[in-house]
Amino acid sequence: MGMKVLLLEDEKSIRDFVKINLKRHGFAVTEASTGEEALELAGLDSEIRIAILDVMLPGGSGVLPFATATS
């Protein structure tokens, strides 16, 4: 299997569409629907190499939890 990608998107239809296309191109996809869930999953899986983040989540940006965690 290919490189692991963390996909953060709150809208299931968009998340499913992106996941299908990533898998078609050989990526392994881990999904999250909230910033908190994405941070937890990223902490549990050291093989994740790429994160695709939704910047317009309910309650804030998907980038903020990762920016806070890395600073």
PDB file of N, CA and C in Angstrom:
ATOM      1  N   MET A   1       0.840  -1.181   0.000  1.00  0.00           N
ATOM      2  CA  MET A   1       0.000   0.000   0.000  1.00  0.00           C
ATOM      3  C   MET A   1       0.882   1.240   0.000  1.00  0.00           C
ATOM      4  N   GLY A   2       0.333   2.351  -0.482  1.00  0.00           N
ATOM      5  CA  GLY A   2       1.096   3.579  -0.653  1.00  0.00           C
ATOM      6  C   GLY A   2       1.240   4.403   0.606  1.00  0.00           C
ATOM      7  N   MET A   3       1.698   5.606   0.407  1.00  0.00           N
ATOM      8  CA  MET A   3       1.922   6.548   1.491  1.00  0.00           C
ATOM      9  C   MET A   3       0.621   6.814   2.243  1.00  0.00           C
ATOM     10  N   LYS A   4       0.724   6.952   3.579  1.00  0.00           N
ATOM     11  CA  LYS A   4      -0.461   7.202   4.397  1.00  0.00           C
ATOM     12  C   LYS A   4      -0.802   8.678   4.438  1.00  0.00           C
ATOM     13  N   VAL A   5      -2.102   8.956   4.240  1.00  0.00           N
ATOM     14  CA  VAL A   5      -2.640  10.308   4.230  1.00  0.00           C
ATOM     15  C   VAL A   5      -3.708  10.418   5.307  1.00  0.00           C
ATOM     16  N   LEU A   6      -3.660  11.498   6.077  1.00  0.00           N
ATOM     17  CA  LEU A   6      -4.727  11.812   7.019  1.00  0.00           C
ATOM     18  C   LEU A   6      -5.640  12.829   6.344  1.00  0.00           C
ATOM     19  N   LEU A   7      -6.906  12.491   6.227  1.00  0.00           N
ATOM     20  CA  LEU A   7      -7.889  13.341   5.563  1.00  0.00           C
ATOM     21  C   LEU A   7      -8.866  13.878   6.600  1.00  0.00           C
ATOM     22  N   LEU A   8      -8.854  15.193   6.801  1.00  0.00           N
ATOM     23  CA  LEU A   8      -9.766  15.854   7.731  1.00  0.00           C
ATOM     24  C   LEU A   8     -10.795  16.651   6.943  1.00  0.00           C
ATOM     25  N   GLU A   9     -12.040  16.201   7.005  1.00  0.00           N
ATOM     26  CA  GLU A   9     -13.156  16.866   6.309  1.00  0.00           C
ATOM     27  C   GLU A   9     -14.432  16.532   7.064  1.00  0.00           C
ATOM     28  N   ASP A  10     -15.198  17.544   7.442  1.00  0.00           N
ATOM     29  CA  ASP A  10     -16.419  17.294   8.207  1.00  0.00           C
ATOM     30  C   ASP A  10     -17.586  16.823   7.350  1.00  0.00           C
ATOM     31  N   GLU A  11     -17.595  17.157   6.080  1.00  0.00           N
ATOM     32  CA  GLU A  11     -18.696  16.733   5.209  1.00  0.00           C
ATOM     33  C   GLU A  11     -18.387  15.368   4.598  1.00  0.00           C
ATOM     34  N   LYS A  12     -19.201  14.383   4.973  1.00  0.00           N
ATOM     35  CA  LYS A  12     -18.943  13.004   4.567  1.00  0.00           C
ATOM     36  C   LYS A  12     -18.875  12.837   3.053  1.00  0.00           C
ATOM     37  N   SER A  13     -19.757  13.507   2.315  1.00  0.00           N
ATOM     38  CA  SER A  13     -19.755  13.336   0.855  1.00  0.00           C
ATOM     39  C   SER A  13     -18.435  13.820   0.243  1.00  0.00           C
ATOM     40  N   ILE A  14     -17.920  14.924   0.733  1.00  0.00           N
ATOM     41  CA  ILE A  14     -16.636  15.432   0.233  1.00  0.00           C
ATOM     42  C   ILE A  14     -15.508  14.508   0.665  1.00  0.00           C
ATOM     43  N   ARG A  15     -15.545  14.074   1.940  1.00  0.00           N
ATOM     44  CA  ARG A  15     -14.518  13.165   2.453  1.00  0.00           C
ATOM     45  C   ARG A  15     -14.478  11.874   1.639  1.00  0.00           C
ATOM     46  N   ASP A  16     -15.650  11.318   1.330  1.00  0.00           N
ATOM     47  CA  ASP A  16     -15.715  10.089   0.543  1.00  0.00           C
ATOM     48  C   ASP A  16     -15.155  10.294  -0.862  1.00  0.00           C
ATOM     49  N   PHE A  17     -15.492  11.425  -1.484  1.00  0.00           N
ATOM     50  CA  PHE A  17     -15.003  11.722  -2.833  1.00  0.00           C
ATOM     51  C   PHE A  17     -13.473  11.828  -2.852  1.00  0.00           C
ATOM     52  N   VAL A  18     -12.928  12.567  -1.901  1.00  0.00           N
ATOM     53  CA  VAL A  18     -11.469  12.732  -1.844  1.00  0.00           C
ATOM     54  C   VAL A  18     -10.794  11.398  -1.540  1.00  0.00           C
ATOM     55  N   LYS A  19     -11.365  10.636  -0.607  1.00  0.00           N
ATOM     56  CA  LYS A  19     -10.800   9.334  -0.243  1.00  0.00           C
ATOM     57  C   LYS A  19     -10.742   8.393  -1.445  1.00  0.00           C
ATOM     58  N   ILE A  20     -11.829   8.322  -2.202  1.00  0.00           N
ATOM     59  CA  ILE A  20     -11.862   7.446  -3.381  1.00  0.00           C
ATOM     60  C   ILE A  20     -10.748   7.818  -4.350  1.00  0.00           C
ATOM     61  N   ASN A  21     -10.584   9.104  -4.588  1.00  0.00           N
ATOM     62  CA  ASN A  21      -9.560   9.548  -5.538  1.00  0.00           C
ATOM     63  C   ASN A  21      -8.146   9.328  -5.015  1.00  0.00           C
ATOM     64  N   LEU A  22      -7.937   9.526  -3.740  1.00  0.00           N
ATOM     65  CA  LEU A  22      -6.613   9.242  -3.171  1.00  0.00           C
ATOM     66  C   LEU A  22      -6.286   7.759  -3.283  1.00  0.00           C
ATOM     67  N   LYS A  23      -7.261   6.913  -2.960  1.00  0.00           N
ATOM     68  CA  LYS A  23      -7.038   5.466  -3.048  1.00  0.00           C
ATOM     69  C   LYS A  23      -6.770   5.029  -4.481  1.00  0.00           C
ATOM     70  N   ARG A  24      -7.447   5.637  -5.441  1.00  0.00           N
ATOM     71  CA  ARG A  24      -7.203   5.330  -6.855  1.00  0.00           C
ATOM     72  C   ARG A  24      -5.755   5.605  -7.249  1.00  0.00           C
ATOM     73  N   HIS A  25      -5.141   6.560  -6.564  1.00  0.00           N
ATOM     74  CA  HIS A  25      -3.753   6.921  -6.852  1.00  0.00           C
ATOM     75  C   HIS A  25      -2.765   6.240  -5.906  1.00  0.00           C
ATOM     76  N   GLY A  26      -3.238   5.237  -5.165  1.00  0.00           N
ATOM     77  CA  GLY A  26      -2.350   4.393  -4.384  1.00  0.00           C
ATOM     78  C   GLY A  26      -2.081   4.822  -2.957  1.00  0.00           C
ATOM     79  N   PHE A  27      -2.786   5.827  -2.457  1.00  0.00           N
ATOM     80  CA  PHE A  27      -2.582   6.270  -1.082  1.00  0.00           C
ATOM     81  C   PHE A  27      -3.431   5.452  -0.118  1.00  0.00           C
ATOM     82  N   ALA A  28      -2.931   5.265   1.086  1.00  0.00           N
ATOM     83  CA  ALA A  28      -3.701   4.688   2.179  1.00  0.00           C
ATOM     84  C   ALA A  28      -4.294   5.870   2.944  1.00  0.00           C
ATOM     85  N   VAL A  29      -5.600   5.849   3.217  1.00  0.00           N
ATOM     86  CA  VAL A  29      -6.282   7.015   3.774  1.00  0.00           C
ATOM     87  C   VAL A  29      -6.834   6.714   5.163  1.00  0.00           C
ATOM     88  N   THR A  30      -6.521   7.614   6.104  1.00  0.00           N
ATOM     89  CA  THR A  30      -7.119   7.610   7.432  1.00  0.00           C
ATOM     90  C   THR A  30      -8.021   8.834   7.493  1.00  0.00           C
ATOM     91  N   GLU A  31      -9.271   8.635   7.907  1.00  0.00           N
ATOM     92  CA  GLU A  31     -10.265   9.716   7.869  1.00  0.00           C
ATOM     93  C   GLU A  31     -10.563  10.269   9.252  1.00  0.00           C
ATOM     94  N   ALA A  32     -10.836  11.578   9.300  1.00  0.00           N
ATOM     95  CA  ALA A  32     -11.299  12.238  10.519  1.00  0.00           C
ATOM     96  C   ALA A  32     -12.326  13.294  10.130  1.00  0.00           C
ATOM     97  N   SER A  33     -13.296  13.515  11.017  1.00  0.00           N
ATOM     98  CA  SER A  33     -14.322  14.515  10.734  1.00  0.00           C
ATOM     99  C   SER A  33     -14.210  15.743  11.634  1.00  0.00           C
ATOM    100  N   THR A  34     -13.325  15.699  12.625  1.00  0.00           N
ATOM    101  CA  THR A  34     -13.086  16.859  13.496  1.00  0.00           C
ATOM    102  C   THR A  34     -11.588  17.054  13.680  1.00  0.00           C
ATOM    103  N   GLY A  35     -11.207  18.271  14.047  1.00  0.00           N
ATOM    104  CA  GLY A  35      -9.800  18.548  14.309  1.00  0.00           C
ATOM    105  C   GLY A  35      -9.258  17.711  15.459  1.00  0.00           C
ATOM    106  N   GLU A  36     -10.055  17.535  16.493  1.00  0.00           N
ATOM    107  CA  GLU A  36      -9.630  16.738  17.651  1.00  0.00           C
ATOM    108  C   GLU A  36      -9.400  15.283  17.262  1.00  0.00           C
ATOM    109  N   GLU A  37     -10.302  14.736  16.466  1.00  0.00           N
ATOM    110  CA  GLU A  37     -10.161  13.357  16.003  1.00  0.00           C
ATOM    111  C   GLU A  37      -8.907  13.208  15.142  1.00  0.00           C
ATOM    112  N   ALA A  38      -8.662  14.185  14.273  1.00  0.00           N
ATOM    113  CA  ALA A  38      -7.483  14.135  13.407  1.00  0.00           C
ATOM    114  C   ALA A  38      -6.202  14.167  14.222  1.00  0.00           C
ATOM    115  N   LEU A  39      -6.147  15.021  15.252  1.00  0.00           N
ATOM    116  CA  LEU A  39      -4.957  15.073  16.109  1.00  0.00           C
ATOM    117  C   LEU A  39      -4.729  13.749  16.817  1.00  0.00           C
ATOM    118  N   GLU A  40      -5.804  13.166  17.310  1.00  0.00           N
ATOM    119  CA  GLU A  40      -5.691  11.878  17.994  1.00  0.00           C
ATOM    120  C   GLU A  40      -5.173  10.802  17.042  1.00  0.00           C
ATOM    121  N   LEU A  41      -5.750  10.731  15.849  1.00  0.00           N
ATOM    122  CA  LEU A  41      -5.314   9.726  14.878  1.00  0.00           C
ATOM    123  C   LEU A  41      -3.865   9.948  14.453  1.00  0.00           C
ATOM    124  N   ALA A  42      -3.482  11.213  14.262  1.00  0.00           N
ATOM    125  CA  ALA A  42      -2.097  11.515  13.876  1.00  0.00           C
ATOM    126  C   ALA A  42      -1.127  11.079  14.965  1.00  0.00           C
ATOM    127  N   GLY A  43      -1.535  11.225  16.216  1.00  0.00           N
ATOM    128  CA  GLY A  43      -0.686  10.810  17.327  1.00  0.00           C
ATOM    129  C   GLY A  43      -0.567   9.305  17.466  1.00  0.00           C
ATOM    130  N   LEU A  44      -1.569   8.579  16.973  1.00  0.00           N
ATOM    131  CA  LEU A  44      -1.573   7.124  17.087  1.00  0.00           C
ATOM    132  C   LEU A  44      -0.875   6.421  15.929  1.00  0.00           C
ATOM    133  N   ASP A  45      -0.695   7.112  14.815  1.00  0.00           N
ATOM    134  CA  ASP A  45      -0.144   6.476  13.619  1.00  0.00           C
ATOM    135  C   ASP A  45       1.056   7.269  13.096  1.00  0.00           C
ATOM    136  N   SER A  46       2.232   6.797  13.426  1.00  0.00           N
ATOM    137  CA  SER A  46       3.466   7.492  13.034  1.00  0.00           C
ATOM    138  C   SER A  46       3.784   7.336  11.546  1.00  0.00           C
ATOM    139  N   GLU A  47       3.011   6.533  10.828  1.00  0.00           N
ATOM    140  CA  GLU A  47       3.261   6.334   9.403  1.00  0.00           C
ATOM    141  C   GLU A  47       2.543   7.365   8.521  1.00  0.00           C
ATOM    142  N   ILE A  48       1.691   8.203   9.107  1.00  0.00           N
ATOM    143  CA  ILE A  48       1.005   9.247   8.327  1.00  0.00           C
ATOM    144  C   ILE A  48       2.041  10.266   7.886  1.00  0.00           C
ATOM    145  N   ARG A  49       2.088  10.536   6.579  1.00  0.00           N
ATOM    146  CA  ARG A  49       3.085  11.437   6.008  1.00  0.00           C
ATOM    147  C   ARG A  49       2.495  12.728   5.462  1.00  0.00           C
ATOM    148  N   ILE A  50       1.196  12.690   5.129  1.00  0.00           N
ATOM    149  CA  ILE A  50       0.538  13.848   4.537  1.00  0.00           C
ATOM    150  C   ILE A  50      -0.787  14.060   5.271  1.00  0.00           C
ATOM    151  N   ALA A  51      -1.124  15.330   5.515  1.00  0.00           N
ATOM    152  CA  ALA A  51      -2.433  15.658   6.079  1.00  0.00           C
ATOM    153  C   ALA A  51      -3.137  16.623   5.121  1.00  0.00           C
ATOM    154  N   ILE A  52      -4.356  16.274   4.754  1.00  0.00           N
ATOM    155  CA  ILE A  52      -5.202  17.147   3.951  1.00  0.00           C
ATOM    156  C   ILE A  52      -6.264  17.677   4.904  1.00  0.00           C
ATOM    157  N   LEU A  53      -6.234  18.997   5.135  1.00  0.00           N
ATOM    158  CA  LEU A  53      -7.047  19.591   6.183  1.00  0.00           C
ATOM    159  C   LEU A  53      -8.119  20.511   5.619  1.00  0.00           C
ATOM    160  N   ASP A  54      -9.320  20.371   6.134  1.00  0.00           N
ATOM    161  CA  ASP A  54     -10.431  21.270   5.809  1.00  0.00           C
ATOM    162  C   ASP A  54     -10.195  22.572   6.567  1.00  0.00           C
ATOM    163  N   VAL A  55     -10.207  23.693   5.876  1.00  0.00           N
ATOM    164  CA  VAL A  55      -9.953  24.968   6.546  1.00  0.00           C
ATOM    165  C   VAL A  55     -11.235  25.647   7.024  1.00  0.00           C
ATOM    166  N   MET A  56     -12.393  25.056   6.743  1.00  0.00           N
ATOM    167  CA  MET A  56     -13.660  25.653   7.169  1.00  0.00           C
ATOM    168  C   MET A  56     -14.503  24.627   7.913  1.00  0.00           C
ATOM    169  N   LEU A  57     -14.031  24.214   9.077  1.00  0.00           N
ATOM    170  CA  LEU A  57     -14.775  23.282   9.918  1.00  0.00           C
ATOM    171  C   LEU A  57     -15.707  24.057  10.841  1.00  0.00           C
ATOM    172  N   PRO A  58     -16.799  23.428  11.287  1.00  0.00           N
ATOM    173  CA  PRO A  58     -17.629  24.079  12.308  1.00  0.00           C
ATOM    174  C   PRO A  58     -16.777  24.338  13.554  1.00  0.00           C
ATOM    175  N   GLY A  59     -16.791  25.543  14.042  1.00  0.00           N
ATOM    176  CA  GLY A  59     -16.010  25.853  15.240  1.00  0.00           C
ATOM    177  C   GLY A  59     -14.586  26.287  14.960  1.00  0.00           C
ATOM    178  N   GLY A  60     -14.155  26.312  13.695  1.00  0.00           N
ATOM    179  CA  GLY A  60     -12.804  26.785  13.408  1.00  0.00           C
ATOM    180  C   GLY A  60     -12.140  26.037  12.274  1.00  0.00           C
ATOM    181  N   SER A  61     -10.906  26.368  12.044  1.00  0.00           N
ATOM    182  CA  SER A  61     -10.114  25.796  10.961  1.00  0.00           C
ATOM    183  C   SER A  61      -9.503  24.457  11.353  1.00  0.00           C
ATOM    184  N   GLY A  62      -9.361  23.569  10.391  1.00  0.00           N
ATOM    185  CA  GLY A  62      -8.689  22.304  10.632  1.00  0.00           C
ATOM    186  C   GLY A  62      -7.191  22.461  10.778  1.00  0.00           C
ATOM    187  N   VAL A  63      -6.681  23.612  10.393  1.00  0.00           N
ATOM    188  CA  VAL A  63      -5.242  23.862  10.486  1.00  0.00           C
ATOM    189  C   VAL A  63      -4.841  24.221  11.917  1.00  0.00           C
ATOM    190  N   LEU A  64      -5.700  24.930  12.625  1.00  0.00           N
ATOM    191  CA  LEU A  64      -5.366  25.432  13.956  1.00  0.00           C
ATOM    192  C   LEU A  64      -4.923  24.346  14.939  1.00  0.00           C
ATOM    193  N   PRO A  65      -5.641  23.216  15.066  1.00  0.00           N
ATOM    194  CA  PRO A  65      -5.169  22.199  16.015  1.00  0.00           C
ATOM    195  C   PRO A  65      -3.751  21.695  15.688  1.00  0.00           C
ATOM    196  N   PHE A  66      -3.424  21.588  14.412  1.00  0.00           N
ATOM    197  CA  PHE A  66      -2.097  21.104  14.028  1.00  0.00           C
ATOM    198  C   PHE A  66      -1.041  22.164  14.252  1.00  0.00           C
ATOM    199  N   ALA A  67      -1.371  23.423  14.008  1.00  0.00           N
ATOM    200  CA  ALA A  67      -0.424  24.510  14.254  1.00  0.00           C
ATOM    201  C   ALA A  67      -0.125  24.611  15.734  1.00  0.00           C
ATOM    202  N   THR A  68      -1.132  24.448  16.565  1.00  0.00           N
ATOM    203  CA  THR A  68      -0.956  24.493  18.016  1.00  0.00           C
ATOM    204  C   THR A  68      -0.134  23.306  18.490  1.00  0.00           C
ATOM    205  N   ALA A  69      -0.399  22.126  17.939  1.00  0.00           N
ATOM    206  CA  ALA A  69       0.303  20.921  18.367  1.00  0.00           C
ATOM    207  C   ALA A  69       1.770  20.928  18.001  1.00  0.00           C
ATOM    208  N   THR A  70       2.131  21.597  16.926  1.00  0.00           N
ATOM    209  CA  THR A  70       3.526  21.587  16.483  1.00  0.00           C
ATOM    210  C   THR A  70       4.338  22.763  17.004  1.00  0.00           C
ATOM    211  N   SER A  71       3.686  23.725  17.652  1.00  0.00           N
ATOM    212  CA  SER A  71       4.457  24.884  18.144  1.00  0.00           C
ATOM    213  C   SER A  71       4.934  24.693  19.564  1.00  0.00           C
TER     214      SER A  71
END
